[in-house]
Structure formats: structure tokens, C-alpha cells
């Protein structure tokens, strides 16, 4: 019974690990179109294009910060190993 449970848990962990990705866009920025429209910008105007570009830059910066934090954590862990 125990080996079957262990195998099932292993497959479940592998399947769920595939769902996580550090390259996912942050969800805290919300919907770009709704954000730009609520600020009174008409779709198709140059202000709308600039608004969408600004949101894209914000999202890119957030992903870059998250990647840098992950890399820094890995570097810290490699430099300061914890030995039992």
C-alpha cells in the first residue's frame, strides 16, 4: 500500500510542478485594456498606445525583478550552505 501511495504522490508533485513557472506575468497589474480605458483614454489613440506600452514595461520590469530575486536567492544559498 505504501509504495502505491508514494508513487501517486510523486506523480502528483511532478504534475503540479509543471504548473509553476517563474516567467509568468504578474497578476497584480490586472487587465491593461481595462486600466487604460478607465483613465479615459480612447482605444486606438496615441495615448492608448502609450498607456499599453507603459503597462508592458511595468510588467517586464516586475518579471525582471522576480527573476533577479530568484537568482540572488540561489546565489545566497550556494554561498551559504547549511550543513546539518
PDB file of N, CA and C in Angstrom:
ATOM      1  N   UNK A   1       0.824  -1.202   0.000  1.00  0.00           N
ATOM      2  CA  UNK A   1       0.000   0.000   0.000  1.00  0.00           C
ATOM      3  C   UNK A   1       0.868   1.266   0.000  1.00  0.00           C
ATOM      4  N   UNK A   2       1.908   1.266   0.795  1.00  0.00           N
ATOM      5  CA  UNK A   2       2.776   2.438   0.904  1.00  0.00           C
ATOM      6  C   UNK A   2       3.476   2.782  -0.410  1.00  0.00           C
ATOM      7  N   UNK A   3       4.022   1.798  -1.154  1.00  0.00           N
ATOM      8  CA  UNK A   3       4.669   2.160  -2.425  1.00  0.00           C
ATOM      9  C   UNK A   3       3.697   2.779  -3.427  1.00  0.00           C
ATOM     10  N   UNK A   4       2.459   2.312  -3.470  1.00  0.00           N
ATOM     11  CA  UNK A   4       1.487   2.892  -4.389  1.00  0.00           C
ATOM     12  C   UNK A   4       1.189   4.344  -4.028  1.00  0.00           C
ATOM     13  N   UNK A   5       1.037   4.594  -2.746  1.00  0.00           N
ATOM     14  CA  UNK A   5       0.771   5.956  -2.285  1.00  0.00           C
ATOM     15  C   UNK A   5       1.951   6.866  -2.608  1.00  0.00           C
ATOM     16  N   UNK A   6       3.146   6.360  -2.384  1.00  0.00           N
ATOM     17  CA  UNK A   6       4.347   7.150  -2.659  1.00  0.00           C
ATOM     18  C   UNK A   6       4.465   7.456  -4.148  1.00  0.00           C
ATOM     19  N   UNK A   7       4.190   6.484  -4.979  1.00  0.00           N
ATOM     20  CA  UNK A   7       4.254   6.693  -6.423  1.00  0.00           C
ATOM     21  C   UNK A   7       3.187   7.699  -6.860  1.00  0.00           C
ATOM     22  N   UNK A   8       1.977   7.573  -6.305  1.00  0.00           N
ATOM     23  CA  UNK A   8       0.901   8.504  -6.658  1.00  0.00           C
ATOM     24  C   UNK A   8       1.252   9.930  -6.238  1.00  0.00           C
ATOM     25  N   UNK A   9       1.810  10.095  -5.057  1.00  0.00           N
ATOM     26  CA  UNK A   9       2.207  11.422  -4.591  1.00  0.00           C
ATOM     27  C   UNK A   9       3.335  11.998  -5.441  1.00  0.00           C
ATOM     28  N   UNK A  10       4.248  11.149  -5.882  1.00  0.00           N
ATOM     29  CA  UNK A  10       5.343  11.607  -6.730  1.00  0.00           C
ATOM     30  C   UNK A  10       4.814  12.127  -8.064  1.00  0.00           C
ATOM     31  N   UNK A  11       3.894  11.364  -8.674  1.00  0.00           N
ATOM     32  CA  UNK A  11       3.316  11.817  -9.937  1.00  0.00           C
ATOM     33  C   UNK A  11       2.507  13.094  -9.760  1.00  0.00           C
ATOM     34  N   UNK A  12       1.790  13.208  -8.645  1.00  0.00           N
ATOM     35  CA  UNK A  12       1.017  14.427  -8.389  1.00  0.00           C
ATOM     36  C   UNK A  12       1.949  15.625  -8.222  1.00  0.00           C
ATOM     37  N   UNK A  13       3.064  15.435  -7.522  1.00  0.00           N
ATOM     38  CA  UNK A  13       4.013  16.534  -7.324  1.00  0.00           C
ATOM     39  C   UNK A  13       4.639  16.970  -8.643  1.00  0.00           C
ATOM     40  N   UNK A  14       4.965  16.005  -9.492  1.00  0.00           N
ATOM     41  CA  UNK A  14       5.548  16.346 -10.789  1.00  0.00           C
ATOM     42  C   UNK A  14       4.539  17.099 -11.652  1.00  0.00           C
ATOM     43  N   UNK A  15       3.287  16.643 -11.626  1.00  0.00           N
ATOM     44  CA  UNK A  15       2.249  17.310 -12.428  1.00  0.00           C
ATOM     45  C   UNK A  15       2.007  18.734 -11.947  1.00  0.00           C
ATOM     46  N   UNK A  16       1.993  18.945 -10.644  1.00  0.00           N
ATOM     47  CA  UNK A  16       1.769  20.290 -10.120  1.00  0.00           C
ATOM     48  C   UNK A  16       2.981  21.191 -10.315  1.00  0.00           C
ATOM     49  N   UNK A  17       4.161  20.619 -10.319  1.00  0.00           N
ATOM     50  CA  UNK A  17       5.363  21.427 -10.541  1.00  0.00           C
ATOM     51  C   UNK A  17       5.372  22.010 -11.944  1.00  0.00           C
ATOM     52  N   UNK A  18       4.746  21.340 -12.885  1.00  0.00           N
ATOM     53  CA  UNK A  18       4.670  21.846 -14.247  1.00  0.00           C
ATOM     54  C   UNK A  18       3.801  23.083 -14.356  1.00  0.00           C
ATOM     55  N   UNK A  19       2.922  23.297 -13.388  1.00  0.00           N
ATOM     56  CA  UNK A  19       2.036  24.461 -13.411  1.00  0.00           C
ATOM     57  C   UNK A  19       2.755  25.736 -12.985  1.00  0.00           C
ATOM     58  N   UNK A  20       3.802  25.590 -12.231  1.00  0.00           N
ATOM     59  CA  UNK A  20       4.520  26.757 -11.724  1.00  0.00           C
ATOM     60  C   UNK A  20       5.587  27.188 -12.723  1.00  0.00           C
ATOM     61  N   UNK A  21       5.631  28.464 -12.976  1.00  0.00           N
ATOM     62  CA  UNK A  21       6.647  28.990 -13.871  1.00  0.00           C
ATOM     63  C   UNK A  21       7.065  30.353 -13.371  1.00  0.00           C
ATOM     64  N   UNK A  22       8.346  30.580 -13.320  1.00  0.00           N
ATOM     65  CA  UNK A  22       8.791  31.878 -12.829  1.00  0.00           C
ATOM     66  C   UNK A  22       8.732  32.946 -13.902  1.00  0.00           C
ATOM     67  N   UNK A  23       8.352  32.556 -15.127  1.00  0.00           N
ATOM     68  CA  UNK A  23       8.253  33.520 -16.206  1.00  0.00           C
ATOM     69  C   UNK A  23       6.819  33.984 -16.447  1.00  0.00           C
ATOM     70  N   UNK A  24       5.905  33.598 -15.567  1.00  0.00           N
ATOM     71  CA  UNK A  24       4.526  34.049 -15.704  1.00  0.00           C
ATOM     72  C   UNK A  24       4.444  35.541 -15.431  1.00  0.00           C
ATOM     73  N   UNK A  25       3.549  36.194 -16.125  1.00  0.00           N
ATOM     74  CA  UNK A  25       3.356  37.628 -15.914  1.00  0.00           C
ATOM     75  C   UNK A  25       2.690  37.850 -14.561  1.00  0.00           C
ATOM     76  N   UNK A  26       3.089  38.862 -13.838  1.00  0.00           N
ATOM     77  CA  UNK A  26       2.469  39.139 -12.551  1.00  0.00           C
ATOM     78  C   UNK A  26       0.999  39.492 -12.719  1.00  0.00           C
ATOM     79  N   UNK A  27       0.186  38.956 -11.834  1.00  0.00           N
ATOM     80  CA  UNK A  27      -1.248  39.191 -11.941  1.00  0.00           C
ATOM     81  C   UNK A  27      -1.683  40.459 -11.218  1.00  0.00           C
ATOM     82  N   UNK A  28      -0.820  41.040 -10.423  1.00  0.00           N
ATOM     83  CA  UNK A  28      -1.215  42.225  -9.660  1.00  0.00           C
ATOM     84  C   UNK A  28      -1.388  43.466 -10.536  1.00  0.00           C
ATOM     85  N   UNK A  29      -0.924  43.422 -11.769  1.00  0.00           N
ATOM     86  CA  UNK A  29      -1.089  44.575 -12.653  1.00  0.00           C
ATOM     87  C   UNK A  29      -2.480  44.620 -13.275  1.00  0.00           C
ATOM     88  N   UNK A  30      -3.164  43.502 -13.325  1.00  0.00           N
ATOM     89  CA  UNK A  30      -4.528  43.481 -13.829  1.00  0.00           C
ATOM     90  C   UNK A  30      -4.613  43.551 -15.338  1.00  0.00           C
ATOM     91  N   UNK A  31      -5.797  43.904 -15.821  1.00  0.00           N
ATOM     92  CA  UNK A  31      -6.072  43.963 -17.259  1.00  0.00           C
ATOM     93  C   UNK A  31      -5.633  45.317 -17.807  1.00  0.00           C
ATOM     94  N   UNK A  32      -4.728  45.291 -18.785  1.00  0.00           N
ATOM     95  CA  UNK A  32      -4.198  46.528 -19.352  1.00  0.00           C
ATOM     96  C   UNK A  32      -5.274  47.339 -20.071  1.00  0.00           C
ATOM     97  N   UNK A  33      -6.104  46.665 -20.836  1.00  0.00           N
ATOM     98  CA  UNK A  33      -7.140  47.356 -21.591  1.00  0.00           C
ATOM     99  C   UNK A  33      -8.105  48.077 -20.649  1.00  0.00           C
ATOM    100  N   UNK A  34      -8.537  47.373 -19.604  1.00  0.00           N
ATOM    101  CA  UNK A  34      -9.466  47.989 -18.652  1.00  0.00           C
ATOM    102  C   UNK A  34      -8.803  49.164 -17.929  1.00  0.00           C
ATOM    103  N   UNK A  35      -7.528  49.014 -17.595  1.00  0.00           N
ATOM    104  CA  UNK A  35      -6.815  50.084 -16.902  1.00  0.00           C
ATOM    105  C   UNK A  35      -6.743  51.333 -17.763  1.00  0.00           C
ATOM    106  N   UNK A  36      -6.382  51.157 -19.032  1.00  0.00           N
ATOM    107  CA  UNK A  36      -6.247  52.315 -19.922  1.00  0.00           C
ATOM    108  C   UNK A  36      -7.604  52.947 -20.218  1.00  0.00           C
ATOM    109  N   UNK A  37      -8.636  52.135 -20.372  1.00  0.00           N
ATOM    110  CA  UNK A  37      -9.970  52.678 -20.645  1.00  0.00           C
ATOM    111  C   UNK A  37     -10.545  53.425 -19.446  1.00  0.00           C
ATOM    112  N   UNK A  38     -10.278  52.950 -18.243  1.00  0.00           N
ATOM    113  CA  UNK A  38     -10.843  53.618 -17.062  1.00  0.00           C
ATOM    114  C   UNK A  38     -10.210  54.989 -16.832  1.00  0.00           C
ATOM    115  N   UNK A  39      -9.049  55.202 -17.404  1.00  0.00           N
ATOM    116  CA  UNK A  39      -8.404  56.509 -17.303  1.00  0.00           C
ATOM    117  C   UNK A  39      -8.879  57.456 -18.399  1.00  0.00           C
ATOM    118  N   UNK A  40      -9.894  57.046 -19.144  1.00  0.00           N
ATOM    119  CA  UNK A  40     -10.499  57.924 -20.134  1.00  0.00           C
ATOM    120  C   UNK A  40      -9.758  57.999 -21.455  1.00  0.00           C
ATOM    121  N   UNK A  41      -8.954  57.013 -21.746  1.00  0.00           N
ATOM    122  CA  UNK A  41      -8.184  57.015 -22.990  1.00  0.00           C
ATOM    123  C   UNK A  41      -8.981  56.249 -24.049  1.00  0.00           C
ATOM    124  N   UNK A  42      -9.156  56.842 -25.219  1.00  0.00           N
ATOM    125  CA  UNK A  42      -9.908  56.207 -26.300  1.00  0.00           C
ATOM    126  C   UNK A  42      -9.062  55.132 -26.978  1.00  0.00           C
ATOM    127  N   UNK A  43      -9.696  53.998 -27.240  1.00  0.00           N
ATOM    128  CA  UNK A  43      -8.999  52.891 -27.885  1.00  0.00           C
ATOM    129  C   UNK A  43      -8.553  53.317 -29.281  1.00  0.00           C
ATOM    130  N   UNK A  44      -7.299  53.029 -29.592  1.00  0.00           N
ATOM    131  CA  UNK A  44      -6.754  53.364 -30.902  1.00  0.00           C
ATOM    132  C   UNK A  44      -6.018  54.689 -30.946  1.00  0.00           C
ATOM    133  N   UNK A  45      -6.161  55.500 -29.926  1.00  0.00           N
ATOM    134  CA  UNK A  45      -5.471  56.794 -29.927  1.00  0.00           C
ATOM    135  C   UNK A  45      -4.010  56.602 -29.540  1.00  0.00           C
ATOM    136  N   UNK A  46      -3.226  57.627 -29.760  1.00  0.00           N
ATOM    137  CA  UNK A  46      -1.801  57.542 -29.414  1.00  0.00           C
ATOM    138  C   UNK A  46      -1.609  57.443 -27.897  1.00  0.00           C
ATOM    139  N   UNK A  47      -2.523  58.054 -27.131  1.00  0.00           N
ATOM    140  CA  UNK A  47      -2.451  57.954 -25.669  1.00  0.00           C
ATOM    141  C   UNK A  47      -2.703  56.519 -25.220  1.00  0.00           C
ATOM    142  N   UNK A  48      -3.640  55.848 -25.906  1.00  0.00           N
ATOM    143  CA  UNK A  48      -3.944  54.451 -25.578  1.00  0.00           C
ATOM    144  C   UNK A  48      -2.731  53.568 -25.860  1.00  0.00           C
ATOM    145  N   UNK A  49      -2.092  53.775 -26.981  1.00  0.00           N
ATOM    146  CA  UNK A  49      -0.899  53.000 -27.331  1.00  0.00           C
ATOM    147  C   UNK A  49       0.199  53.248 -26.304  1.00  0.00           C
ATOM    148  N   UNK A  50       0.377  54.495 -25.909  1.00  0.00           N
ATOM    149  CA  UNK A  50       1.397  54.823 -24.905  1.00  0.00           C
ATOM    150  C   UNK A  50       1.060  54.190 -23.563  1.00  0.00           C
ATOM    151  N   UNK A  51      -0.217  54.198 -23.202  1.00  0.00           N
ATOM    152  CA  UNK A  51      -0.643  53.575 -21.944  1.00  0.00           C
ATOM    153  C   UNK A  51      -0.342  52.083 -21.952  1.00  0.00           C
ATOM    154  N   UNK A  52      -0.667  51.413 -23.057  1.00  0.00           N
ATOM    155  CA  UNK A  52      -0.419  49.975 -23.153  1.00  0.00           C
ATOM    156  C   UNK A  52       1.081  49.675 -23.133  1.00  0.00           C
ATOM    157  N   UNK A  53       1.883  50.524 -23.772  1.00  0.00           N
ATOM    158  CA  UNK A  53       3.336  50.326 -23.754  1.00  0.00           C
ATOM    159  C   UNK A  53       3.882  50.503 -22.339  1.00  0.00           C
ATOM    160  N   UNK A  54       3.375  51.504 -21.618  1.00  0.00           N
ATOM    161  CA  UNK A  54       3.804  51.719 -20.241  1.00  0.00           C
ATOM    162  C   UNK A  54       3.472  50.512 -19.364  1.00  0.00           C
ATOM    163  N   UNK A  55       2.285  49.961 -19.552  1.00  0.00           N
ATOM    164  CA  UNK A  55       1.886  48.775 -18.788  1.00  0.00           C
ATOM    165  C   UNK A  55       2.767  47.582 -19.133  1.00  0.00           C
ATOM    166  N   UNK A  56       3.138  47.462 -20.404  1.00  0.00           N
ATOM    167  CA  UNK A  56       4.012  46.378 -20.825  1.00  0.00           C
ATOM    168  C   UNK A  56       5.387  46.520 -20.176  1.00  0.00           C
ATOM    169  N   UNK A  57       5.884  47.731 -20.115  1.00  0.00           N
ATOM    170  CA  UNK A  57       7.182  47.991 -19.472  1.00  0.00           C
ATOM    171  C   UNK A  57       7.098  47.674 -17.982  1.00  0.00           C
ATOM    172  N   UNK A  58       6.018  48.056 -17.328  1.00  0.00           N
ATOM    173  CA  UNK A  58       5.844  47.746 -15.913  1.00  0.00           C
ATOM    174  C   UNK A  58       5.850  46.239 -15.678  1.00  0.00           C
ATOM    175  N   UNK A  59       5.132  45.506 -16.518  1.00  0.00           N
ATOM    176  CA  UNK A  59       5.075  44.051 -16.389  1.00  0.00           C
ATOM    177  C   UNK A  59       6.456  43.440 -16.621  1.00  0.00           C
ATOM    178  N   UNK A  60       7.162  43.917 -17.623  1.00  0.00           N
ATOM    179  CA  UNK A  60       8.504  43.414 -17.904  1.00  0.00           C
ATOM    180  C   UNK A  60       9.454  43.687 -16.738  1.00  0.00           C
ATOM    181  N   UNK A  61       9.352  44.871 -16.157  1.00  0.00           N
ATOM    182  CA  UNK A  61      10.195  45.200 -15.006  1.00  0.00           C
ATOM    183  C   UNK A  61       9.877  44.317 -13.810  1.00  0.00           C
ATOM    184  N   UNK A  62       8.596  44.000 -13.606  1.00  0.00           N
ATOM    185  CA  UNK A  62       8.205  43.136 -12.495  1.00  0.00           C
ATOM    186  C   UNK A  62       8.765  41.723 -12.688  1.00  0.00           C
ATOM    187  N   UNK A  63       8.724  41.214 -13.916  1.00  0.00           N
ATOM    188  CA  UNK A  63       9.278  39.894 -14.195  1.00  0.00           C
ATOM    189  C   UNK A  63      10.787  39.909 -13.993  1.00  0.00           C
ATOM    190  N   UNK A  64      11.439  40.973 -14.432  1.00  0.00           N
ATOM    191  CA  UNK A  64      12.886  41.093 -14.260  1.00  0.00           C
ATOM    192  C   UNK A  64      13.264  41.127 -12.783  1.00  0.00           C
ATOM    193  N   UNK A  65      12.506  41.882 -11.977  1.00  0.00           N
ATOM    194  CA  UNK A  65      12.768  41.918 -10.539  1.00  0.00           C
ATOM    195  C   UNK A  65      12.587  40.552  -9.895  1.00  0.00           C
ATOM    196  N   UNK A  66      11.540  39.830 -10.285  1.00  0.00           N
ATOM    197  CA  UNK A  66      11.295  38.499  -9.730  1.00  0.00           C
ATOM    198  C   UNK A  66      12.413  37.538 -10.117  1.00  0.00           C
ATOM    199  N   UNK A  67      12.864  37.603 -11.360  1.00  0.00           N
ATOM    200  CA  UNK A  67      13.964  36.740 -11.796  1.00  0.00           C
ATOM    201  C   UNK A  67      15.254  37.064 -11.059  1.00  0.00           C
ATOM    202  N   UNK A  68      15.508  38.351 -10.861  1.00  0.00           N
ATOM    203  CA  UNK A  68      16.715  38.757 -10.139  1.00  0.00           C
ATOM    204  C   UNK A  68      16.662  38.293  -8.687  1.00  0.00           C
ATOM    205  N   UNK A  69      15.498  38.404  -8.061  1.00  0.00           N
ATOM    206  CA  UNK A  69      15.351  37.954  -6.677  1.00  0.00           C
ATOM    207  C   UNK A  69      15.571  36.442  -6.582  1.00  0.00           C
ATOM    208  N   UNK A  70      15.038  35.695  -7.540  1.00  0.00           N
ATOM    209  CA  UNK A  70      15.230  34.242  -7.547  1.00  0.00           C
ATOM    210  C   UNK A  70      16.699  33.893  -7.731  1.00  0.00           C
ATOM    211  N   UNK A  71      17.355  34.570  -8.640  1.00  0.00           N
ATOM    212  CA  UNK A  71      18.779  34.320  -8.884  1.00  0.00           C
ATOM    213  C   UNK A  71      19.614  34.687  -7.655  1.00  0.00           C
ATOM    214  N   UNK A  72      19.297  35.809  -7.029  1.00  0.00           N
ATOM    215  CA  UNK A  72      20.033  36.228  -5.833  1.00  0.00           C
ATOM    216  C   UNK A  72      19.843  35.232  -4.697  1.00  0.00           C
ATOM    217  N   UNK A  73      18.633  34.701  -4.564  1.00  0.00           N
ATOM    218  CA  UNK A  73      18.391  33.701  -3.531  1.00  0.00           C
ATOM    219  C   UNK A  73      19.212  32.450  -3.798  1.00  0.00           C
ATOM    220  N   UNK A  74      19.252  32.012  -5.051  1.00  0.00           N
ATOM    221  CA  UNK A  74      20.061  30.846  -5.394  1.00  0.00           C
ATOM    222  C   UNK A  74      21.538  31.086  -5.133  1.00  0.00           C
ATOM    223  N   UNK A  75      22.022  32.273  -5.481  1.00  0.00           N
ATOM    224  CA  UNK A  75      23.426  32.606  -5.216  1.00  0.00           C
ATOM    225  C   UNK A  75      23.711  32.606  -3.717  1.00  0.00           C
ATOM    226  N   UNK A  76      22.800  33.167  -2.940  1.00  0.00           N
ATOM    227  CA  UNK A  76      22.976  33.195  -1.481  1.00  0.00           C
ATOM    228  C   UNK A  76      23.029  31.781  -0.922  1.00  0.00           C
ATOM    229  N   UNK A  77      22.132  30.932  -1.415  1.00  0.00           N
ATOM    230  CA  UNK A  77      22.090  29.563  -0.910  1.00  0.00           C
ATOM    231  C   UNK A  77      23.348  28.786  -1.294  1.00  0.00           C
ATOM    232  N   UNK A  78      23.907  29.085  -2.459  1.00  0.00           N
ATOM    233  CA  UNK A  78      25.145  28.404  -2.864  1.00  0.00           C
ATOM    234  C   UNK A  78      26.344  28.891  -2.046  1.00  0.00           C
ATOM    235  N   UNK A  79      26.368  30.147  -1.691  1.00  0.00           N
ATOM    236  CA  UNK A  79      27.488  30.706  -0.924  1.00  0.00           C
ATOM    237  C   UNK A  79      27.393  30.377   0.556  1.00  0.00           C
ATOM    238  N   UNK A  80      26.183  30.141   1.063  1.00  0.00           N
ATOM    239  CA  UNK A  80      25.990  29.905   2.493  1.00  0.00           C
ATOM    240  C   UNK A  80      25.248  28.586   2.717  1.00  0.00           C
ATOM    241  N   UNK A  81      25.903  27.477   2.418  1.00  0.00           N
ATOM    242  CA  UNK A  81      25.197  26.205   2.591  1.00  0.00           C
ATOM    243  C   UNK A  81      24.989  25.893   4.068  1.00  0.00           C
ATOM    244  N   UNK A  82      23.896  25.277   4.329  1.00  0.00           N
ATOM    245  CA  UNK A  82      23.568  24.862   5.688  1.00  0.00           C
ATOM    246  C   UNK A  82      23.879  23.369   5.798  1.00  0.00           C
ATOM    247  N   UNK A  83      24.803  23.039   6.630  1.00  0.00           N
ATOM    248  CA  UNK A  83      25.194  21.637   6.795  1.00  0.00           C
ATOM    249  C   UNK A  83      24.706  21.138   8.147  1.00  0.00           C
ATOM    250  N   UNK A  84      23.932  20.050   8.121  1.00  0.00           N
ATOM    251  CA  UNK A  84      23.438  19.508   9.411  1.00  0.00           C
ATOM    252  C   UNK A  84      24.505  18.858  10.231  1.00  0.00           C
TER     253      UNK A  84
END
